[in-house]
Amino acid sequence: MAVHEHEQHASARLTAGALFTDPAGRPLLVKPGYKHGWEIPGGYVDAGESPLAACRRELVEELGRDLPVNGQPLVVDWAPLAPEGDKLLFIFDGGTLSDEDVRSFVFADGEIEETRFVEAADLEEYVPKRLADRLRLALAARQEDRCVYAEHAVEPH
């Protein structure tokens, strides 16, 4: 059986999320109501949508706010996952949130139940190791004012 050229090319699923921190530098996590565990605000990129546009759309859907997000990604991570196939994950910089910003979140559809700022050292208590590692890369990339390319949340050398 002949393989069509388009079947040889990757067709990765894309996700886009935002790193927000409090003034102490702790990342913001969200608790989805539809699954176990915590995440960063964000989600899957729809067909025809850019990762940045998806990130901004997801923030409105999840937090009820059109929050500013820097267009330069902090992390681009090639992270295939067995049941889901090829995945490319983007983390954009949402900057620092005030208490007032957090109080203004609106969880209109119940998708998100709670938000919490978490110490970077405690991330594995909330999220899978791969996301904790990716968030630490994002925090470092923000400090260094650069974008990190990673594979499975590890920067290749």
N, C-alpha and C. Protein backbone atom coordinates (compact mmCIF):
# COMPACT_ATOMS: atom_id res chain seq x y z
N MET A 1 0.84 -1.18 0.00
CA MET A 1 0.00 0.00 0.00
C MET A 1 0.88 1.24 0.00
N ALA A 2 0.64 2.13 -0.93
CA ALA A 2 1.43 3.35 -1.04
C ALA A 2 1.08 4.31 0.08
N VAL A 3 2.11 4.96 0.61
CA VAL A 3 1.91 5.97 1.64
C VAL A 3 1.87 7.33 0.95
N HIS A 4 0.81 8.07 1.20
CA HIS A 4 0.70 9.40 0.62
C HIS A 4 1.66 10.34 1.34
N GLU A 5 2.21 11.27 0.57
CA GLU A 5 3.19 12.19 1.14
C GLU A 5 2.67 12.90 2.39
N HIS A 6 1.40 13.35 2.38
CA HIS A 6 0.87 14.06 3.54
C HIS A 6 0.78 13.18 4.77
N GLU A 7 0.73 11.85 4.61
CA GLU A 7 0.68 10.93 5.75
C GLU A 7 2.05 10.77 6.40
N GLN A 8 3.12 11.18 5.73
CA GLN A 8 4.47 11.08 6.28
C GLN A 8 4.82 12.28 7.15
N HIS A 9 4.08 13.35 7.02
CA HIS A 9 4.39 14.56 7.77
C HIS A 9 3.69 14.55 9.12
N ALA A 10 4.33 15.16 10.08
CA ALA A 10 3.75 15.24 11.41
C ALA A 10 2.49 16.09 11.39
N SER A 11 1.56 15.70 12.21
CA SER A 11 0.36 16.52 12.41
C SER A 11 0.10 16.54 13.91
N ALA A 12 0.90 17.34 14.57
CA ALA A 12 0.86 17.40 16.03
C ALA A 12 -0.35 18.16 16.53
N ARG A 13 -0.85 17.73 17.68
CA ARG A 13 -1.85 18.52 18.39
C ARG A 13 -1.10 19.67 19.06
N LEU A 14 -1.73 20.83 19.11
CA LEU A 14 -1.10 22.01 19.70
C LEU A 14 -1.87 22.43 20.93
N THR A 15 -1.13 22.83 21.97
CA THR A 15 -1.76 23.44 23.14
C THR A 15 -1.05 24.76 23.41
N ALA A 16 -1.79 25.65 24.05
CA ALA A 16 -1.23 26.97 24.38
C ALA A 16 -1.74 27.38 25.75
N GLY A 17 -0.81 27.80 26.60
CA GLY A 17 -1.18 28.25 27.93
C GLY A 17 -0.36 29.47 28.31
N ALA A 18 -0.72 30.04 29.45
CA ALA A 18 -0.05 31.25 29.91
C ALA A 18 0.55 31.04 31.30
N LEU A 19 1.75 31.57 31.45
CA LEU A 19 2.39 31.63 32.77
C LEU A 19 2.06 32.98 33.37
N PHE A 20 1.29 32.96 34.44
CA PHE A 20 1.05 34.14 35.25
C PHE A 20 1.70 33.89 36.60
N THR A 21 2.24 34.93 37.20
CA THR A 21 2.79 34.80 38.54
C THR A 21 2.24 35.91 39.42
N ASP A 22 2.38 35.70 40.72
CA ASP A 22 2.07 36.76 41.68
C ASP A 22 3.34 37.58 41.88
N PRO A 23 3.29 38.66 42.66
CA PRO A 23 4.49 39.48 42.85
C PRO A 23 5.67 38.72 43.47
N ALA A 24 5.40 37.60 44.14
CA ALA A 24 6.48 36.78 44.71
C ALA A 24 7.08 35.81 43.69
N GLY A 25 6.53 35.79 42.45
CA GLY A 25 7.06 34.92 41.41
C GLY A 25 6.48 33.51 41.39
N ARG A 26 5.41 33.29 42.14
CA ARG A 26 4.79 31.95 42.18
C ARG A 26 3.83 31.80 41.00
N PRO A 27 3.93 30.68 40.25
CA PRO A 27 3.04 30.46 39.11
C PRO A 27 1.59 30.24 39.53
N LEU A 28 0.68 30.71 38.68
CA LEU A 28 -0.75 30.51 38.87
C LEU A 28 -1.15 29.17 38.27
N LEU A 29 -1.89 28.38 39.06
CA LEU A 29 -2.47 27.14 38.57
C LEU A 29 -3.98 27.25 38.65
N VAL A 30 -4.65 26.50 37.78
CA VAL A 30 -6.10 26.45 37.79
C VAL A 30 -6.54 25.02 38.02
N LYS A 31 -7.67 24.85 38.73
CA LYS A 31 -8.23 23.53 39.02
C LYS A 31 -9.46 23.34 38.13
N PRO A 32 -9.31 22.54 37.06
CA PRO A 32 -10.47 22.28 36.19
C PRO A 32 -11.51 21.42 36.91
N GLY A 33 -12.77 21.69 36.65
CA GLY A 33 -13.83 20.91 37.24
C GLY A 33 -14.09 19.60 36.52
N TYR A 34 -13.56 19.43 35.31
CA TYR A 34 -13.87 18.27 34.49
C TYR A 34 -12.81 17.17 34.55
N LYS A 35 -11.72 17.39 35.33
CA LYS A 35 -10.70 16.34 35.45
C LYS A 35 -9.93 16.52 36.74
N HIS A 36 -9.17 15.51 37.09
CA HIS A 36 -8.37 15.51 38.31
C HIS A 36 -7.11 16.35 38.11
N GLY A 37 -6.68 17.01 39.14
CA GLY A 37 -5.41 17.73 39.11
C GLY A 37 -5.54 19.19 38.74
N TRP A 38 -4.40 19.82 38.59
CA TRP A 38 -4.28 21.24 38.29
C TRP A 38 -3.56 21.42 36.96
N GLU A 39 -3.70 22.60 36.39
CA GLU A 39 -3.09 22.96 35.10
C GLU A 39 -2.69 24.43 35.16
N ILE A 40 -2.12 24.91 34.05
CA ILE A 40 -2.01 26.35 33.85
C ILE A 40 -3.19 26.76 32.98
N PRO A 41 -3.58 28.03 33.00
CA PRO A 41 -4.67 28.45 32.12
C PRO A 41 -4.28 28.23 30.66
N GLY A 42 -5.17 27.64 29.89
CA GLY A 42 -4.89 27.39 28.48
C GLY A 42 -5.63 26.17 28.01
N GLY A 43 -5.29 25.71 26.80
CA GLY A 43 -5.94 24.53 26.26
C GLY A 43 -5.51 24.27 24.84
N TYR A 44 -6.29 23.45 24.16
CA TYR A 44 -5.96 23.05 22.80
C TYR A 44 -6.19 24.19 21.81
N VAL A 45 -5.39 24.19 20.77
CA VAL A 45 -5.51 25.13 19.66
C VAL A 45 -6.51 24.52 18.66
N ASP A 46 -7.50 25.31 18.27
CA ASP A 46 -8.49 24.86 17.29
C ASP A 46 -7.91 24.93 15.87
N ALA A 47 -8.51 24.18 14.96
CA ALA A 47 -8.10 24.20 13.55
C ALA A 47 -8.16 25.63 13.03
N GLY A 48 -7.10 26.06 12.35
CA GLY A 48 -7.05 27.40 11.76
C GLY A 48 -6.72 28.50 12.74
N GLU A 49 -6.50 28.17 13.99
CA GLU A 49 -6.24 29.16 15.04
C GLU A 49 -4.74 29.15 15.38
N SER A 50 -4.18 30.31 15.65
CA SER A 50 -2.78 30.36 16.05
C SER A 50 -2.66 30.01 17.54
N PRO A 51 -1.50 29.54 17.98
CA PRO A 51 -1.32 29.26 19.41
C PRO A 51 -1.59 30.48 20.29
N LEU A 52 -1.14 31.67 19.87
CA LEU A 52 -1.36 32.87 20.67
C LEU A 52 -2.85 33.20 20.77
N ALA A 53 -3.56 33.12 19.64
CA ALA A 53 -5.00 33.37 19.66
C ALA A 53 -5.72 32.35 20.55
N ALA A 54 -5.29 31.10 20.50
CA ALA A 54 -5.90 30.06 21.33
C ALA A 54 -5.66 30.35 22.81
N CYS A 55 -4.47 30.77 23.14
CA CYS A 55 -4.15 31.10 24.53
C CYS A 55 -5.07 32.20 25.02
N ARG A 56 -5.19 33.25 24.25
CA ARG A 56 -6.05 34.38 24.65
C ARG A 56 -7.51 33.96 24.75
N ARG A 57 -7.98 33.13 23.82
CA ARG A 57 -9.36 32.64 23.86
C ARG A 57 -9.59 31.81 25.12
N GLU A 58 -8.65 30.93 25.42
CA GLU A 58 -8.79 30.07 26.59
C GLU A 58 -8.81 30.88 27.88
N LEU A 59 -8.05 31.96 27.94
CA LEU A 59 -8.05 32.80 29.15
C LEU A 59 -9.43 33.41 29.38
N VAL A 60 -10.06 33.86 28.30
CA VAL A 60 -11.41 34.43 28.42
C VAL A 60 -12.38 33.33 28.85
N GLU A 61 -12.26 32.14 28.25
CA GLU A 61 -13.16 31.04 28.60
C GLU A 61 -12.98 30.59 30.04
N GLU A 62 -11.73 30.47 30.48
CA GLU A 62 -11.44 29.89 31.80
C GLU A 62 -11.48 30.90 32.94
N LEU A 63 -10.98 32.11 32.69
CA LEU A 63 -10.85 33.10 33.76
C LEU A 63 -11.83 34.26 33.62
N GLY A 64 -12.52 34.32 32.48
CA GLY A 64 -13.48 35.39 32.26
C GLY A 64 -12.85 36.74 32.04
N ARG A 65 -11.60 36.75 31.65
CA ARG A 65 -10.86 38.01 31.46
C ARG A 65 -10.05 37.95 30.18
N ASP A 66 -9.99 39.06 29.49
CA ASP A 66 -9.13 39.22 28.32
C ASP A 66 -7.82 39.81 28.83
N LEU A 67 -6.96 38.93 29.34
CA LEU A 67 -5.69 39.37 29.94
C LEU A 67 -4.61 39.52 28.89
N PRO A 68 -3.74 40.52 29.03
CA PRO A 68 -2.65 40.67 28.06
C PRO A 68 -1.64 39.52 28.17
N VAL A 69 -1.21 39.05 27.01
CA VAL A 69 -0.23 37.97 26.94
C VAL A 69 0.82 38.37 25.91
N ASN A 70 2.08 38.24 26.28
CA ASN A 70 3.18 38.55 25.37
C ASN A 70 3.18 37.56 24.21
N GLY A 71 3.33 38.06 22.99
CA GLY A 71 3.31 37.23 21.80
C GLY A 71 4.53 36.34 21.61
N GLN A 72 5.61 36.62 22.32
CA GLN A 72 6.80 35.77 22.23
C GLN A 72 6.67 34.63 23.24
N PRO A 73 6.63 33.38 22.78
CA PRO A 73 6.51 32.28 23.74
C PRO A 73 7.72 32.22 24.69
N LEU A 74 7.46 31.76 25.89
CA LEU A 74 8.56 31.46 26.82
C LEU A 74 9.11 30.07 26.55
N VAL A 75 8.21 29.13 26.26
CA VAL A 75 8.60 27.74 26.01
C VAL A 75 7.80 27.19 24.84
N VAL A 76 8.49 26.46 23.98
CA VAL A 76 7.88 25.64 22.95
C VAL A 76 8.42 24.24 23.21
N ASP A 77 7.53 23.32 23.55
CA ASP A 77 7.95 21.98 24.00
C ASP A 77 7.36 20.90 23.10
N TRP A 78 8.25 20.10 22.52
CA TRP A 78 7.84 18.94 21.75
C TRP A 78 7.64 17.81 22.76
N ALA A 79 6.38 17.42 22.97
CA ALA A 79 6.09 16.49 24.05
C ALA A 79 4.99 15.50 23.66
N PRO A 80 5.31 14.57 22.74
CA PRO A 80 4.32 13.56 22.39
C PRO A 80 3.89 12.77 23.63
N LEU A 81 2.63 12.38 23.63
CA LEU A 81 2.08 11.61 24.74
C LEU A 81 1.39 10.40 24.13
N ALA A 82 1.74 9.22 24.59
CA ALA A 82 1.30 7.96 23.98
C ALA A 82 -0.17 7.94 23.53
N PRO A 83 -1.13 8.20 24.41
CA PRO A 83 -2.51 8.07 23.93
C PRO A 83 -2.95 9.20 22.99
N GLU A 84 -2.23 10.32 23.00
CA GLU A 84 -2.66 11.48 22.20
C GLU A 84 -1.80 11.73 20.97
N GLY A 85 -0.68 11.08 20.85
CA GLY A 85 0.19 11.27 19.70
C GLY A 85 1.10 12.48 19.84
N ASP A 86 1.55 13.00 18.70
CA ASP A 86 2.48 14.14 18.70
C ASP A 86 1.81 15.37 19.28
N LYS A 87 2.54 16.10 20.13
CA LYS A 87 2.02 17.33 20.74
C LYS A 87 3.13 18.37 20.77
N LEU A 88 2.75 19.59 20.49
CA LEU A 88 3.63 20.75 20.60
C LEU A 88 2.93 21.73 21.54
N LEU A 89 3.61 22.07 22.65
CA LEU A 89 3.00 22.88 23.70
C LEU A 89 3.69 24.24 23.79
N PHE A 90 2.89 25.29 23.82
CA PHE A 90 3.40 26.65 23.91
C PHE A 90 3.02 27.23 25.28
N ILE A 91 3.98 27.90 25.92
CA ILE A 91 3.67 28.67 27.13
C ILE A 91 4.06 30.11 26.84
N PHE A 92 3.05 31.00 26.95
CA PHE A 92 3.26 32.43 26.74
C PHE A 92 3.33 33.14 28.09
N ASP A 93 3.95 34.30 28.10
CA ASP A 93 4.12 35.07 29.33
C ASP A 93 2.95 36.01 29.55
N GLY A 94 2.21 35.76 30.63
CA GLY A 94 1.09 36.62 30.99
C GLY A 94 1.46 37.68 32.01
N GLY A 95 2.71 37.64 32.50
CA GLY A 95 3.16 38.65 33.43
C GLY A 95 2.73 38.38 34.87
N THR A 96 2.73 39.46 35.64
CA THR A 96 2.43 39.38 37.07
C THR A 96 1.01 39.86 37.33
N LEU A 97 0.28 39.09 38.13
CA LEU A 97 -1.10 39.44 38.48
C LEU A 97 -1.16 40.00 39.89
N SER A 98 -2.03 40.97 40.06
CA SER A 98 -2.28 41.54 41.39
C SER A 98 -3.42 40.76 42.05
N ASP A 99 -3.61 41.00 43.34
CA ASP A 99 -4.75 40.40 44.04
C ASP A 99 -6.06 40.84 43.39
N GLU A 100 -6.09 42.10 42.95
CA GLU A 100 -7.30 42.61 42.29
C GLU A 100 -7.57 41.85 40.99
N ASP A 101 -6.52 41.56 40.22
CA ASP A 101 -6.68 40.78 38.99
C ASP A 101 -7.34 39.44 39.30
N VAL A 102 -6.81 38.76 40.32
CA VAL A 102 -7.31 37.43 40.66
C VAL A 102 -8.75 37.50 41.16
N ARG A 103 -9.07 38.50 41.94
CA ARG A 103 -10.45 38.66 42.43
C ARG A 103 -11.43 38.92 41.29
N SER A 104 -10.93 39.42 40.17
CA SER A 104 -11.82 39.73 39.04
C SER A 104 -12.09 38.53 38.13
N PHE A 105 -11.46 37.39 38.40
CA PHE A 105 -11.72 36.21 37.59
C PHE A 105 -13.19 35.81 37.72
N VAL A 106 -13.76 35.36 36.59
CA VAL A 106 -15.15 34.92 36.56
C VAL A 106 -15.18 33.51 36.00
N PHE A 107 -15.65 32.58 36.81
CA PHE A 107 -15.75 31.18 36.39
C PHE A 107 -17.19 30.90 35.97
N ALA A 108 -17.58 31.47 34.85
CA ALA A 108 -18.98 31.48 34.42
C ALA A 108 -19.53 30.09 34.11
N ASP A 109 -18.75 29.25 33.43
CA ASP A 109 -19.30 27.97 32.98
C ASP A 109 -18.90 26.80 33.88
N GLY A 110 -18.20 27.05 34.96
CA GLY A 110 -17.80 25.99 35.87
C GLY A 110 -16.63 25.16 35.39
N GLU A 111 -16.01 25.55 34.26
CA GLU A 111 -14.85 24.80 33.77
C GLU A 111 -13.72 24.83 34.79
N ILE A 112 -13.53 25.99 35.42
CA ILE A 112 -12.49 26.15 36.44
C ILE A 112 -13.16 26.32 37.80
N GLU A 113 -12.67 25.57 38.77
CA GLU A 113 -13.23 25.62 40.12
C GLU A 113 -12.45 26.53 41.06
N GLU A 114 -11.15 26.66 40.79
CA GLU A 114 -10.29 27.36 41.75
C GLU A 114 -8.99 27.76 41.07
N THR A 115 -8.36 28.81 41.58
CA THR A 115 -7.01 29.19 41.15
C THR A 115 -6.14 29.26 42.39
N ARG A 116 -4.84 29.08 42.17
CA ARG A 116 -3.91 29.11 43.30
C ARG A 116 -2.50 29.42 42.79
N PHE A 117 -1.80 30.28 43.52
CA PHE A 117 -0.38 30.50 43.27
C PHE A 117 0.40 29.48 44.08
N VAL A 118 1.39 28.86 43.45
CA VAL A 118 2.12 27.75 44.06
C VAL A 118 3.62 28.02 43.97
N GLU A 119 4.33 27.73 45.03
CA GLU A 119 5.79 27.83 45.01
C GLU A 119 6.34 26.89 43.93
N ALA A 120 7.34 27.33 43.19
CA ALA A 120 7.92 26.50 42.13
C ALA A 120 8.43 25.17 42.68
N ALA A 121 8.95 25.18 43.89
CA ALA A 121 9.47 23.95 44.50
C ALA A 121 8.36 22.95 44.82
N ASP A 122 7.11 23.41 44.89
CA ASP A 122 5.99 22.54 45.26
C ASP A 122 5.12 22.12 44.08
N LEU A 123 5.53 22.43 42.85
CA LEU A 123 4.68 22.19 41.68
C LEU A 123 4.28 20.72 41.53
N GLU A 124 5.18 19.78 41.83
CA GLU A 124 4.85 18.36 41.65
C GLU A 124 3.72 17.89 42.56
N GLU A 125 3.40 18.66 43.60
CA GLU A 125 2.27 18.31 44.46
C GLU A 125 0.94 18.60 43.75
N TYR A 126 0.99 19.36 42.66
CA TYR A 126 -0.22 19.79 41.96
C TYR A 126 -0.32 19.29 40.53
N VAL A 127 0.81 19.25 39.84
CA VAL A 127 0.81 18.93 38.41
C VAL A 127 1.79 17.79 38.12
N PRO A 128 1.61 17.12 36.97
CA PRO A 128 2.57 16.08 36.59
C PRO A 128 3.98 16.67 36.45
N LYS A 129 4.98 15.83 36.66
CA LYS A 129 6.38 16.27 36.61
C LYS A 129 6.70 16.98 35.30
N ARG A 130 6.17 16.50 34.19
CA ARG A 130 6.49 17.11 32.89
C ARG A 130 6.00 18.56 32.84
N LEU A 131 4.84 18.85 33.43
CA LEU A 131 4.35 20.24 33.46
C LEU A 131 5.14 21.06 34.46
N ALA A 132 5.47 20.48 35.60
CA ALA A 132 6.29 21.19 36.59
C ALA A 132 7.63 21.59 35.96
N ASP A 133 8.26 20.66 35.24
CA ASP A 133 9.54 20.96 34.58
C ASP A 133 9.37 22.04 33.52
N ARG A 134 8.27 21.97 32.76
CA ARG A 134 8.00 22.96 31.72
C ARG A 134 7.79 24.35 32.34
N LEU A 135 7.08 24.39 33.46
CA LEU A 135 6.87 25.68 34.14
C LEU A 135 8.17 26.25 34.68
N ARG A 136 9.03 25.41 35.19
CA ARG A 136 10.34 25.90 35.66
C ARG A 136 11.17 26.43 34.49
N LEU A 137 11.07 25.79 33.33
CA LEU A 137 11.74 26.32 32.13
C LEU A 137 11.16 27.69 31.78
N ALA A 138 9.85 27.82 31.88
CA ALA A 138 9.19 29.09 31.55
C ALA A 138 9.62 30.19 32.52
N LEU A 139 9.71 29.86 33.80
CA LEU A 139 10.15 30.85 34.79
C LEU A 139 11.59 31.30 34.49
N ALA A 140 12.45 30.35 34.15
CA ALA A 140 13.85 30.69 33.82
C ALA A 140 13.90 31.50 32.53
N ALA A 141 13.11 31.12 31.52
CA ALA A 141 13.09 31.85 30.25
C ALA A 141 12.65 33.29 30.47
N ARG A 142 11.68 33.48 31.34
CA ARG A 142 11.22 34.84 31.65
C ARG A 142 12.36 35.64 32.27
N GLN A 143 13.08 35.05 33.21
CA GLN A 143 14.21 35.73 33.86
C GLN A 143 15.30 36.09 32.86
N GLU A 144 15.52 35.19 31.90
CA GLU A 144 16.60 35.37 30.91
C GLU A 144 16.12 36.10 29.66
N ASP A 145 14.84 36.47 29.61
CA ASP A 145 14.26 37.18 28.48
C ASP A 145 14.53 36.45 27.16
N ARG A 146 14.12 35.18 27.12
CA ARG A 146 14.32 34.38 25.92
C ARG A 146 13.22 33.35 25.77
N CYS A 147 13.20 32.69 24.63
CA CYS A 147 12.29 31.59 24.37
C CYS A 147 13.11 30.29 24.44
N VAL A 148 12.59 29.29 25.12
CA VAL A 148 13.26 28.00 25.25
C VAL A 148 12.56 26.98 24.37
N TYR A 149 13.33 26.30 23.54
CA TYR A 149 12.81 25.13 22.83
C TYR A 149 13.15 23.92 23.70
N ALA A 150 12.18 23.06 23.94
CA ALA A 150 12.38 21.88 24.77
C ALA A 150 11.81 20.65 24.09
N GLU A 151 12.28 19.50 24.54
CA GLU A 151 11.73 18.21 24.13
C GLU A 151 11.44 17.45 25.41
N HIS A 152 10.18 17.16 25.64
CA HIS A 152 9.73 16.51 26.88
C HIS A 152 10.18 17.32 28.09
N ALA A 153 10.03 18.63 28.01
CA ALA A 153 10.33 19.58 29.10
C ALA A 153 11.80 19.62 29.47
N VAL A 154 12.67 19.23 28.53
CA VAL A 154 14.12 19.32 28.74
C VAL A 154 14.72 20.08 27.57
N GLU A 155 15.53 21.07 27.88
CA GLU A 155 16.20 21.84 26.83
C GLU A 155 17.36 21.02 26.27
N PRO A 156 17.30 20.68 24.96
CA PRO A 156 18.39 19.88 24.36
C PRO A 156 19.70 20.67 24.31
N HIS A 157 20.77 19.95 24.40
CA HIS A 157 22.09 20.59 24.33
C HIS A 157 22.83 20.21 23.08
